[in-house]
Amino acid sequence: MEMDRRRSSHMCEPGSPTWITPLPKRAADAVIRAKLTEYRRMCQKRDRLILEAKKAGLSEVSIADLTGHSRNTVRSVLKAHGIS
């Protein structure tokens, strides 16, 4: 019984719900466009890192394990850049 009380004291207590007012259509559109643009930049960085890793001699499996991407994603990036 004592252990149960100690465990529950370490658990996060749920707070009151936070309600967010939806953004107006134009603002929401701008936010989504900015997020998608940032995602594209992130993917470009990802592709460069995968290419660097392959050129450094890492296998597709190693690259997938280290990046957390699937082997299919790694293969797709390499294929898109003419490396198989």
PDB file of N, CA and C in Angstrom:
ATOM      1  N   MET A   1       0.824  -1.195   0.000  1.00  0.00           N
ATOM      2  CA  MET A   1       0.000   0.000   0.000  1.00  0.00           C
ATOM      3  C   MET A   1       0.866   1.254   0.000  1.00  0.00           C
ATOM      4  N   GLU A   2       1.925   1.242   0.770  1.00  0.00           N
ATOM      5  CA  GLU A   2       2.825   2.396   0.845  1.00  0.00           C
ATOM      6  C   GLU A   2       3.454   2.671  -0.524  1.00  0.00           C
ATOM      7  N   MET A   3       3.855   1.623  -1.234  1.00  0.00           N
ATOM      8  CA  MET A   3       4.474   1.798  -2.541  1.00  0.00           C
ATOM      9  C   MET A   3       3.503   2.441  -3.527  1.00  0.00           C
ATOM     10  N   ASP A   4       2.227   2.062  -3.442  1.00  0.00           N
ATOM     11  CA  ASP A   4       1.252   2.628  -4.366  1.00  0.00           C
ATOM     12  C   ASP A   4       1.145   4.128  -4.192  1.00  0.00           C
ATOM     13  N   ARG A   5       1.157   4.606  -2.950  1.00  0.00           N
ATOM     14  CA  ARG A   5       1.054   6.040  -2.704  1.00  0.00           C
ATOM     15  C   ARG A   5       2.287   6.763  -3.221  1.00  0.00           C
ATOM     16  N   ARG A   6       3.461   6.175  -3.050  1.00  0.00           N
ATOM     17  CA  ARG A   6       4.682   6.822  -3.539  1.00  0.00           C
ATOM     18  C   ARG A   6       4.683   6.903  -5.053  1.00  0.00           C
ATOM     19  N   ARG A   7       4.254   5.839  -5.700  1.00  0.00           N
ATOM     20  CA  ARG A   7       4.204   5.844  -7.158  1.00  0.00           C
ATOM     21  C   ARG A   7       3.269   6.929  -7.672  1.00  0.00           C
ATOM     22  N   SER A   8       2.106   7.033  -7.066  1.00  0.00           N
ATOM     23  CA  SER A   8       1.144   8.013  -7.560  1.00  0.00           C
ATOM     24  C   SER A   8       1.622   9.437  -7.319  1.00  0.00           C
ATOM     25  N   SER A   9       2.470   9.647  -6.315  1.00  0.00           N
ATOM     26  CA  SER A   9       2.957  10.998  -6.069  1.00  0.00           C
ATOM     27  C   SER A   9       3.946  11.445  -7.145  1.00  0.00           C
ATOM     28  N   HIS A  10       4.523  10.482  -7.870  1.00  0.00           N
ATOM     29  CA  HIS A  10       5.468  10.823  -8.935  1.00  0.00           C
ATOM     30  C   HIS A  10       4.775  11.000 -10.281  1.00  0.00           C
ATOM     31  N   MET A  11       3.515  10.634 -10.346  1.00  0.00           N
ATOM     32  CA  MET A  11       2.792  10.741 -11.613  1.00  0.00           C
ATOM     33  C   MET A  11       2.372  12.188 -11.838  1.00  0.00           C
ATOM     34  N   CYS A  12       2.267  12.555 -13.076  1.00  0.00           N
ATOM     35  CA  CYS A  12       1.830  13.913 -13.415  1.00  0.00           C
ATOM     36  C   CYS A  12       0.349  14.050 -13.098  1.00  0.00           C
ATOM     37  N   GLU A  13       0.012  15.132 -12.466  1.00  0.00           N
ATOM     38  CA  GLU A  13      -1.387  15.428 -12.191  1.00  0.00           C
ATOM     39  C   GLU A  13      -1.958  16.144 -13.407  1.00  0.00           C
ATOM     40  N   PRO A  14      -3.107  15.694 -13.878  1.00  0.00           N
ATOM     41  CA  PRO A  14      -3.685  16.382 -15.036  1.00  0.00           C
ATOM     42  C   PRO A  14      -4.144  17.781 -14.645  1.00  0.00           C
ATOM     43  N   GLY A  15      -3.850  18.723 -15.505  1.00  0.00           N
ATOM     44  CA  GLY A  15      -4.284  20.093 -15.264  1.00  0.00           C
ATOM     45  C   GLY A  15      -5.654  20.322 -15.867  1.00  0.00           C
ATOM     46  N   SER A  16      -6.168  21.495 -15.665  1.00  0.00           N
ATOM     47  CA  SER A  16      -7.454  21.814 -16.268  1.00  0.00           C
ATOM     48  C   SER A  16      -7.264  21.951 -17.775  1.00  0.00           C
ATOM     49  N   PRO A  17      -8.271  21.604 -18.564  1.00  0.00           N
ATOM     50  CA  PRO A  17      -8.121  21.677 -20.028  1.00  0.00           C
ATOM     51  C   PRO A  17      -7.906  23.107 -20.495  1.00  0.00           C
ATOM     52  N   THR A  18      -7.084  23.238 -21.510  1.00  0.00           N
ATOM     53  CA  THR A  18      -6.825  24.544 -22.109  1.00  0.00           C
ATOM     54  C   THR A  18      -7.539  24.580 -23.443  1.00  0.00           C
ATOM     55  N   TRP A  19      -8.392  25.535 -23.619  1.00  0.00           N
ATOM     56  CA  TRP A  19      -9.130  25.665 -24.868  1.00  0.00           C
ATOM     57  C   TRP A  19      -8.470  26.731 -25.717  1.00  0.00           C
ATOM     58  N   ILE A  20      -8.192  26.378 -26.927  1.00  0.00           N
ATOM     59  CA  ILE A  20      -7.537  27.306 -27.842  1.00  0.00           C
ATOM     60  C   ILE A  20      -8.555  27.749 -28.884  1.00  0.00           C
ATOM     61  N   THR A  21      -8.693  29.035 -29.023  1.00  0.00           N
ATOM     62  CA  THR A  21      -9.593  29.577 -30.026  1.00  0.00           C
ATOM     63  C   THR A  21      -8.979  29.339 -31.400  1.00  0.00           C
ATOM     64  N   PRO A  22      -9.740  28.767 -32.322  1.00  0.00           N
ATOM     65  CA  PRO A  22      -9.197  28.535 -33.667  1.00  0.00           C
ATOM     66  C   PRO A  22      -8.766  29.851 -34.310  1.00  0.00           C
ATOM     67  N   LEU A  23      -7.686  29.769 -35.074  1.00  0.00           N
ATOM     68  CA  LEU A  23      -7.207  30.953 -35.787  1.00  0.00           C
ATOM     69  C   LEU A  23      -8.141  31.283 -36.940  1.00  0.00           C
ATOM     70  N   PRO A  24      -8.206  32.554 -37.316  1.00  0.00           N
ATOM     71  CA  PRO A  24      -8.965  32.909 -38.521  1.00  0.00           C
ATOM     72  C   PRO A  24      -8.376  32.169 -39.724  1.00  0.00           C
ATOM     73  N   LYS A  25      -9.176  31.951 -40.745  1.00  0.00           N
ATOM     74  CA  LYS A  25      -8.772  31.148 -41.910  1.00  0.00           C
ATOM     75  C   LYS A  25      -7.443  31.593 -42.505  1.00  0.00           C
ATOM     76  N   ARG A  26      -7.240  32.871 -42.705  1.00  0.00           N
ATOM     77  CA  ARG A  26      -5.985  33.359 -43.308  1.00  0.00           C
ATOM     78  C   ARG A  26      -4.790  33.085 -42.412  1.00  0.00           C
ATOM     79  N   ALA A  27      -4.960  33.308 -41.118  1.00  0.00           N
ATOM     80  CA  ALA A  27      -3.859  33.067 -40.181  1.00  0.00           C
ATOM     81  C   ALA A  27      -3.544  31.580 -40.113  1.00  0.00           C
ATOM     82  N   ALA A  28      -4.573  30.751 -40.085  1.00  0.00           N
ATOM     83  CA  ALA A  28      -4.371  29.300 -40.053  1.00  0.00           C
ATOM     84  C   ALA A  28      -3.637  28.845 -41.307  1.00  0.00           C
ATOM     85  N   ASP A  29      -4.010  29.390 -42.450  1.00  0.00           N
ATOM     86  CA  ASP A  29      -3.372  29.069 -43.722  1.00  0.00           C
ATOM     87  C   ASP A  29      -1.893  29.454 -43.679  1.00  0.00           C
ATOM     88  N   ALA A  30      -1.598  30.623 -43.137  1.00  0.00           N
ATOM     89  CA  ALA A  30      -0.209  31.092 -43.053  1.00  0.00           C
ATOM     90  C   ALA A  30       0.606  30.204 -42.129  1.00  0.00           C
ATOM     91  N   VAL A  31       0.014  29.778 -41.022  1.00  0.00           N
ATOM     92  CA  VAL A  31       0.718  28.903 -40.080  1.00  0.00           C
ATOM     93  C   VAL A  31       1.032  27.568 -40.740  1.00  0.00           C
ATOM     94  N   ILE A  32       0.067  26.984 -41.419  1.00  0.00           N
ATOM     95  CA  ILE A  32       0.287  25.696 -42.099  1.00  0.00           C
ATOM     96  C   ILE A  32       1.340  25.830 -43.184  1.00  0.00           C
ATOM     97  N   ARG A  33       1.286  26.901 -43.960  1.00  0.00           N
ATOM     98  CA  ARG A  33       2.292  27.107 -45.012  1.00  0.00           C
ATOM     99  C   ARG A  33       3.698  27.227 -44.419  1.00  0.00           C
ATOM    100  N   ALA A  34       3.821  27.931 -43.308  1.00  0.00           N
ATOM    101  CA  ALA A  34       5.128  28.076 -42.660  1.00  0.00           C
ATOM    102  C   ALA A  34       5.625  26.729 -42.146  1.00  0.00           C
ATOM    103  N   LYS A  35       4.737  25.935 -41.564  1.00  0.00           N
ATOM    104  CA  LYS A  35       5.123  24.609 -41.061  1.00  0.00           C
ATOM    105  C   LYS A  35       5.565  23.692 -42.195  1.00  0.00           C
ATOM    106  N   LEU A  36       4.830  23.734 -43.309  1.00  0.00           N
ATOM    107  CA  LEU A  36       5.189  22.895 -44.456  1.00  0.00           C
ATOM    108  C   LEU A  36       6.514  23.328 -45.083  1.00  0.00           C
ATOM    109  N   THR A  37       6.768  24.619 -45.116  1.00  0.00           N
ATOM    110  CA  THR A  37       8.037  25.129 -45.635  1.00  0.00           C
ATOM    111  C   THR A  37       9.183  24.665 -44.746  1.00  0.00           C
ATOM    112  N   GLU A  38       8.999  24.731 -43.444  1.00  0.00           N
ATOM    113  CA  GLU A  38      10.023  24.260 -42.504  1.00  0.00           C
ATOM    114  C   GLU A  38      10.236  22.752 -42.650  1.00  0.00           C
ATOM    115  N   TYR A  39       9.158  22.010 -42.862  1.00  0.00           N
ATOM    116  CA  TYR A  39       9.268  20.564 -43.058  1.00  0.00           C
ATOM    117  C   TYR A  39      10.088  20.247 -44.309  1.00  0.00           C
ATOM    118  N   ARG A  40       9.863  21.003 -45.385  1.00  0.00           N
ATOM    119  CA  ARG A  40      10.634  20.793 -46.619  1.00  0.00           C
ATOM    120  C   ARG A  40      12.119  21.031 -46.358  1.00  0.00           C
ATOM    121  N   ARG A  41      12.446  22.107 -45.616  1.00  0.00           N
ATOM    122  CA  ARG A  41      13.851  22.379 -45.279  1.00  0.00           C
ATOM    123  C   ARG A  41      14.445  21.243 -44.452  1.00  0.00           C
ATOM    124  N   MET A  42      13.656  20.735 -43.508  1.00  0.00           N
ATOM    125  CA  MET A  42      14.131  19.639 -42.676  1.00  0.00           C
ATOM    126  C   MET A  42      14.413  18.398 -43.529  1.00  0.00           C
ATOM    127  N   CYS A  43      13.534  18.131 -44.488  1.00  0.00           N
ATOM    128  CA  CYS A  43      13.735  16.973 -45.368  1.00  0.00           C
ATOM    129  C   CYS A  43      14.980  17.141 -46.230  1.00  0.00           C
ATOM    130  N   GLN A  44      15.247  18.363 -46.659  1.00  0.00           N
ATOM    131  CA  GLN A  44      16.453  18.610 -47.446  1.00  0.00           C
ATOM    132  C   GLN A  44      17.698  18.338 -46.602  1.00  0.00           C
ATOM    133  N   LYS A  45      17.671  18.748 -45.335  1.00  0.00           N
ATOM    134  CA  LYS A  45      18.789  18.467 -44.427  1.00  0.00           C
ATOM    135  C   LYS A  45      18.917  16.968 -44.215  1.00  0.00           C
ATOM    136  N   ARG A  46      17.776  16.300 -44.042  1.00  0.00           N
ATOM    137  CA  ARG A  46      17.768  14.849 -43.862  1.00  0.00           C
ATOM    138  C   ARG A  46      18.421  14.172 -45.052  1.00  0.00           C
ATOM    139  N   ASP A  47      18.033  14.594 -46.256  1.00  0.00           N
ATOM    140  CA  ASP A  47      18.591  13.987 -47.464  1.00  0.00           C
ATOM    141  C   ASP A  47      20.101  14.187 -47.530  1.00  0.00           C
ATOM    142  N   ARG A  48      20.577  15.390 -47.209  1.00  0.00           N
ATOM    143  CA  ARG A  48      22.023  15.651 -47.231  1.00  0.00           C
ATOM    144  C   ARG A  48      22.759  14.750 -46.240  1.00  0.00           C
ATOM    145  N   LEU A  49      22.183  14.585 -45.047  1.00  0.00           N
ATOM    146  CA  LEU A  49      22.829  13.729 -44.050  1.00  0.00           C
ATOM    147  C   LEU A  49      22.865  12.269 -44.494  1.00  0.00           C
ATOM    148  N   ILE A  50      21.783  11.808 -45.100  1.00  0.00           N
ATOM    149  CA  ILE A  50      21.751  10.429 -45.598  1.00  0.00           C
ATOM    150  C   ILE A  50      22.796  10.244 -46.692  1.00  0.00           C
ATOM    151  N   LEU A  51      22.912  11.212 -47.599  1.00  0.00           N
ATOM    152  CA  LEU A  51      23.915  11.122 -48.669  1.00  0.00           C
ATOM    153  C   LEU A  51      25.331  11.145 -48.108  1.00  0.00           C
ATOM    154  N   GLU A  52      25.575  12.017 -47.129  1.00  0.00           N
ATOM    155  CA  GLU A  52      26.896  12.064 -46.484  1.00  0.00           C
ATOM    156  C   GLU A  52      27.231  10.736 -45.834  1.00  0.00           C
ATOM    157  N   ALA A  53      26.259  10.175 -45.147  1.00  0.00           N
ATOM    158  CA  ALA A  53      26.486   8.903 -44.448  1.00  0.00           C
ATOM    159  C   ALA A  53      26.808   7.792 -45.436  1.00  0.00           C
ATOM    160  N   LYS A  54      26.082   7.748 -46.543  1.00  0.00           N
ATOM    161  CA  LYS A  54      26.325   6.713 -47.551  1.00  0.00           C
ATOM    162  C   LYS A  54      27.708   6.894 -48.175  1.00  0.00           C
ATOM    163  N   LYS A  55      28.068   8.142 -48.480  1.00  0.00           N
ATOM    164  CA  LYS A  55      29.388   8.403 -49.060  1.00  0.00           C
ATOM    165  C   LYS A  55      30.507   8.077 -48.077  1.00  0.00           C
ATOM    166  N   ALA A  56      30.201   8.166 -46.785  1.00  0.00           N
ATOM    167  CA  ALA A  56      31.186   7.830 -45.751  1.00  0.00           C
ATOM    168  C   ALA A  56      31.305   6.324 -45.550  1.00  0.00           C
ATOM    169  N   GLY A  57      30.437   5.553 -46.224  1.00  0.00           N
ATOM    170  CA  GLY A  57      30.552   4.105 -46.171  1.00  0.00           C
ATOM    171  C   GLY A  57      29.542   3.398 -45.288  1.00  0.00           C
ATOM    172  N   LEU A  58      28.601   4.114 -44.707  1.00  0.00           N
ATOM    173  CA  LEU A  58      27.592   3.456 -43.882  1.00  0.00           C
ATOM    174  C   LEU A  58      26.598   2.724 -44.774  1.00  0.00           C
ATOM    175  N   SER A  59      26.120   1.606 -44.285  1.00  0.00           N
ATOM    176  CA  SER A  59      25.134   0.837 -45.040  1.00  0.00           C
ATOM    177  C   SER A  59      23.753   1.481 -44.894  1.00  0.00           C
ATOM    178  N   GLU A  60      22.853   1.092 -45.790  1.00  0.00           N
ATOM    179  CA  GLU A  60      21.486   1.605 -45.713  1.00  0.00           C
ATOM    180  C   GLU A  60      20.839   1.229 -44.381  1.00  0.00           C
ATOM    181  N   VAL A  61      21.107   0.016 -43.913  1.00  0.00           N
ATOM    182  CA  VAL A  61      20.539  -0.444 -42.639  1.00  0.00           C
ATOM    183  C   VAL A  61      21.079   0.405 -41.491  1.00  0.00           C
ATOM    184  N   SER A  62      22.372   0.671 -41.494  1.00  0.00           N
ATOM    185  CA  SER A  62      22.964   1.504 -40.439  1.00  0.00           C
ATOM    186  C   SER A  62      22.384   2.918 -40.456  1.00  0.00           C
ATOM    187  N   ILE A  63      22.243   3.472 -41.638  1.00  0.00           N
ATOM    188  CA  ILE A  63      21.687   4.824 -41.759  1.00  0.00           C
ATOM    189  C   ILE A  63      20.260   4.843 -41.235  1.00  0.00           C
ATOM    190  N   ALA A  64      19.480   3.838 -41.602  1.00  0.00           N
ATOM    191  CA  ALA A  64      18.092   3.755 -41.132  1.00  0.00           C
ATOM    192  C   ALA A  64      18.044   3.644 -39.609  1.00  0.00           C
ATOM    193  N   ASP A  65      18.885   2.786 -39.046  1.00  0.00           N
ATOM    194  CA  ASP A  65      18.910   2.618 -37.589  1.00  0.00           C
ATOM    195  C   ASP A  65      19.295   3.913 -36.881  1.00  0.00           C
ATOM    196  N   LEU A  66      20.302   4.595 -37.390  1.00  0.00           N
ATOM    197  CA  LEU A  66      20.795   5.804 -36.741  1.00  0.00           C
ATOM    198  C   LEU A  66      19.846   6.992 -36.877  1.00  0.00           C
ATOM    199  N   THR A  67      19.144   7.076 -38.008  1.00  0.00           N
ATOM    200  CA  THR A  67      18.251   8.216 -38.226  1.00  0.00           C
ATOM    201  C   THR A  67      16.843   7.981 -37.697  1.00  0.00           C
ATOM    202  N   GLY A  68      16.483   6.709 -37.559  1.00  0.00           N
ATOM    203  CA  GLY A  68      15.120   6.399 -37.152  1.00  0.00           C
ATOM    204  C   GLY A  68      14.153   6.340 -38.323  1.00  0.00           C
ATOM    205  N   HIS A  69      14.686   6.506 -39.540  1.00  0.00           N
ATOM    206  CA  HIS A  69      13.850   6.397 -40.732  1.00  0.00           C
ATOM    207  C   HIS A  69      13.822   4.947 -41.186  1.00  0.00           C
ATOM    208  N   SER A  70      12.824   4.598 -41.958  1.00  0.00           N
ATOM    209  CA  SER A  70      12.754   3.235 -42.475  1.00  0.00           C
ATOM    210  C   SER A  70      13.825   3.037 -43.547  1.00  0.00           C
ATOM    211  N   ARG A  71      14.161   1.779 -43.807  1.00  0.00           N
ATOM    212  CA  ARG A  71      15.117   1.487 -44.881  1.00  0.00           C
ATOM    213  C   ARG A  71      14.549   1.939 -46.221  1.00  0.00           C
ATOM    214  N   ASN A  72      13.228   1.848 -46.372  1.00  0.00           N
ATOM    215  CA  ASN A  72      12.606   2.303 -47.619  1.00  0.00           C
ATOM    216  C   ASN A  72      12.815   3.800 -47.821  1.00  0.00           C
ATOM    217  N   THR A  73      12.729   4.576 -46.754  1.00  0.00           N
ATOM    218  CA  THR A  73      12.960   6.016 -46.854  1.00  0.00           C
ATOM    219  C   THR A  73      14.402   6.285 -47.256  1.00  0.00           C
ATOM    220  N   VAL A  74      15.330   5.590 -46.625  1.00  0.00           N
ATOM    221  CA  VAL A  74      16.756   5.772 -46.947  1.00  0.00           C
ATOM    222  C   VAL A  74      16.994   5.400 -48.404  1.00  0.00           C
ATOM    223  N   ARG A  75      16.460   4.267 -48.830  1.00  0.00           N
ATOM    224  CA  ARG A  75      16.625   3.849 -50.235  1.00  0.00           C
ATOM    225  C   ARG A  75      16.020   4.866 -51.193  1.00  0.00           C
ATOM    226  N   SER A  76      14.861   5.390 -50.831  1.00  0.00           N
ATOM    227  CA  SER A  76      14.184   6.366 -51.682  1.00  0.00           C
ATOM    228  C   SER A  76      15.022   7.634 -51.848  1.00  0.00           C
ATOM    229  N   VAL A  77      15.615   8.093 -50.765  1.00  0.00           N
ATOM    230  CA  VAL A  77      16.472   9.283 -50.828  1.00  0.00           C
ATOM    231  C   VAL A  77      17.687   9.006 -51.699  1.00  0.00           C
ATOM    232  N   LEU A  78      18.323   7.874 -51.484  1.00  0.00           N
ATOM    233  CA  LEU A  78      19.514   7.527 -52.262  1.00  0.00           C
ATOM    234  C   LEU A  78      19.169   7.391 -53.747  1.00  0.00           C
ATOM    235  N   LYS A  79      18.051   6.734 -54.034  1.00  0.00           N
ATOM    236  CA  LYS A  79      17.624   6.540 -55.425  1.00  0.00           C
ATOM    237  C   LYS A  79      17.323   7.883 -56.084  1.00  0.00           C
ATOM    238  N   ALA A  80      16.690   8.790 -55.353  1.00  0.00           N
ATOM    239  CA  ALA A  80      16.361  10.115 -55.894  1.00  0.00           C
ATOM    240  C   ALA A  80      17.603  10.899 -56.277  1.00  0.00           C
ATOM    241  N   HIS A  81      18.732  10.563 -55.653  1.00  0.00           N
ATOM    242  CA  HIS A  81      20.000  11.260 -55.931  1.00  0.00           C
ATOM    243  C   HIS A  81      20.949  10.400 -56.764  1.00  0.00           C
ATOM    244  N   GLY A  82      20.406   9.356 -57.366  1.00  0.00           N
ATOM    245  CA  GLY A  82      21.194   8.529 -58.277  1.00  0.00           C
ATOM    246  C   GLY A  82      22.189   7.605 -57.600  1.00  0.00           C
ATOM    247  N   ILE A  83      21.964   7.305 -56.336  1.00  0.00           N
ATOM    248  CA  ILE A  83      22.846   6.382 -55.603  1.00  0.00           C
ATOM    249  C   ILE A  83      22.013   5.161 -55.229  1.00  0.00           C
ATOM    250  N   SER A  84      22.565   3.982 -55.522  1.00  0.00           N
ATOM    251  CA  SER A  84      21.813   2.777 -55.164  1.00  0.00           C
ATOM    252  C   SER A  84      22.586   1.872 -54.244  1.00  0.00           C
TER     253      SER A  84
END
